[in-house]
Amino acid sequence: MRLMYKIAVVGDKDSVLAFKALGVDVRVAYNKDDARHQVDSLAKDGYGVIFITEQLASLIEETIERYNSEVVPAVILIPSNKGTLNIGMDRINKNVEKAVGSNIL
């Protein structure tokens, strides 16, 4: 039996609405409390992948870090429609460096 996880995205309406067309569950949040609640709720509901805009993730760093040590859900930072803060790419670089021993990107 194969386990299927759900995918969701959390962010401001303008940044995440297009994901709905891809079949991704969309949760709108604009502040720290909304973002934390949405991520915790999605994790509790068994979502396997949670995309969150970098702007919101920067407000709830402690929540994001808590899920970094978990296998599920994978919390992935994405740019918003206002652009990138490079937080997501910095995290990818750190993870690659930790896994490989040097930054190959």
Protein backbone atom coordinates (compact mmCIF):
# COMPACT_ATOMS: atom_id res chain seq x y z
CA MET A 1 0.00 0.00 0.00
CA ARG A 2 1.34 3.39 -0.99
CA LEU A 3 0.83 6.37 1.29
CA MET A 4 -0.26 9.58 -0.45
CA TYR A 5 0.42 12.89 1.24
CA LYS A 6 -1.42 16.11 0.55
CA ILE A 7 0.31 19.33 -0.51
CA ALA A 8 -0.56 22.84 0.67
CA VAL A 9 0.76 26.36 0.25
CA VAL A 10 0.56 29.17 2.81
CA GLY A 11 0.97 32.83 1.94
CA ASP A 12 -0.75 36.05 1.03
CA LYS A 13 -3.66 35.70 -1.40
CA ASP A 14 -1.87 37.23 -4.39
CA SER A 15 1.12 34.90 -4.01
CA VAL A 16 -0.68 31.59 -3.50
CA LEU A 17 -3.96 31.74 -5.40
CA ALA A 18 -2.43 30.38 -8.63
CA PHE A 19 -1.49 27.16 -6.82
CA LYS A 20 -5.17 26.31 -6.58
CA ALA A 21 -5.22 25.66 -10.35
CA LEU A 22 -2.56 22.98 -9.77
CA GLY A 23 -4.72 21.18 -7.23
CA VAL A 24 -2.70 22.37 -4.24
CA ASP A 25 -4.62 23.28 -1.09
CA VAL A 26 -4.28 27.03 -0.51
CA ARG A 27 -4.24 28.68 2.91
CA VAL A 28 -4.13 32.46 3.12
CA ALA A 29 -2.23 34.13 5.95
CA TYR A 30 -1.01 37.68 6.39
CA ASN A 31 0.56 37.79 9.84
CA LYS A 32 2.64 35.76 12.28
CA ASP A 33 -0.26 34.22 14.20
CA ASP A 34 -2.19 33.22 11.06
CA ALA A 35 0.93 31.69 9.50
CA ARG A 36 1.86 29.70 12.60
CA HIS A 37 -1.71 28.44 12.99
CA GLN A 38 -1.95 27.41 9.32
CA VAL A 39 1.37 25.53 9.30
CA ASP A 40 0.64 23.73 12.59
CA SER A 41 -2.87 22.86 11.43
CA LEU A 42 -1.65 21.47 8.10
CA ALA A 43 1.05 19.41 9.84
CA LYS A 44 -1.51 18.02 12.28
CA ASP A 45 -3.83 17.15 9.37
CA GLY A 46 -1.16 14.96 7.76
CA TYR A 47 0.09 17.14 4.93
CA GLY A 48 3.38 15.87 3.51
CA VAL A 49 4.59 19.07 1.85
CA ILE A 50 3.85 22.61 2.99
CA PHE A 51 5.06 25.47 0.82
CA ILE A 52 5.21 28.83 2.59
CA THR A 53 6.24 32.23 1.31
CA GLU A 54 9.61 33.46 2.54
CA GLN A 55 8.02 36.61 3.93
CA LEU A 56 5.72 34.62 6.23
CA ALA A 57 8.41 32.07 7.08
CA SER A 58 10.66 34.88 8.28
CA LEU A 59 7.97 35.75 10.85
CA ILE A 60 7.71 32.21 12.25
CA GLU A 61 11.29 30.96 12.17
CA GLU A 62 10.87 28.92 15.38
CA THR A 63 7.91 27.05 13.89
CA ILE A 64 9.79 26.34 10.66
CA GLU A 65 12.82 25.08 12.64
CA ARG A 66 10.60 22.75 14.67
CA TYR A 67 9.50 20.99 11.47
CA ASN A 68 13.05 20.83 10.05
CA SER A 69 13.81 17.95 12.40
CA GLU A 70 10.72 16.03 11.25
CA VAL A 71 10.51 13.82 8.17
CA VAL A 72 6.92 14.89 7.51
CA PRO A 73 5.92 17.53 6.72
CA ALA A 74 8.58 18.99 4.49
CA VAL A 75 8.30 22.77 4.82
CA ILE A 76 9.57 24.45 1.66
CA LEU A 77 10.13 28.20 1.42
CA ILE A 78 9.10 29.90 -1.81
CA PRO A 79 9.28 33.52 -3.00
CA SER A 80 6.12 35.60 -2.87
CA ASN A 81 4.79 37.70 -5.71
CA LYS A 82 6.88 40.57 -4.26
CA GLY A 83 10.13 38.71 -4.91
CA THR A 84 12.58 36.62 -2.97
CA LEU A 85 14.41 37.16 0.29
CA ASN A 86 16.84 34.33 -0.66
CA ILE A 87 15.97 32.51 2.56
CA GLY A 88 14.78 29.41 0.68
CA MET A 89 17.90 29.21 -1.48
CA ASP A 90 20.14 29.74 1.56
CA ARG A 91 18.41 26.79 3.27
CA ILE A 92 18.93 24.60 0.19
CA ASN A 93 22.62 25.54 0.09
CA LYS A 94 23.05 24.69 3.79
CA ASN A 95 21.30 21.33 3.39
CA VAL A 96 23.40 20.43 0.34
CA GLU A 97 26.57 21.43 2.15
CA LYS A 98 25.55 19.35 5.20
CA ALA A 99 24.77 16.31 3.02
CA VAL A 100 27.74 16.50 0.63
CA GLY A 101 30.35 18.20 2.80
CA SER A 102 30.75 21.25 0.58
CA ASN A 103 28.58 23.66 -1.31
CA ILE A 104 28.35 22.28 -4.85
CA LEU A 105 25.69 24.76 -5.95
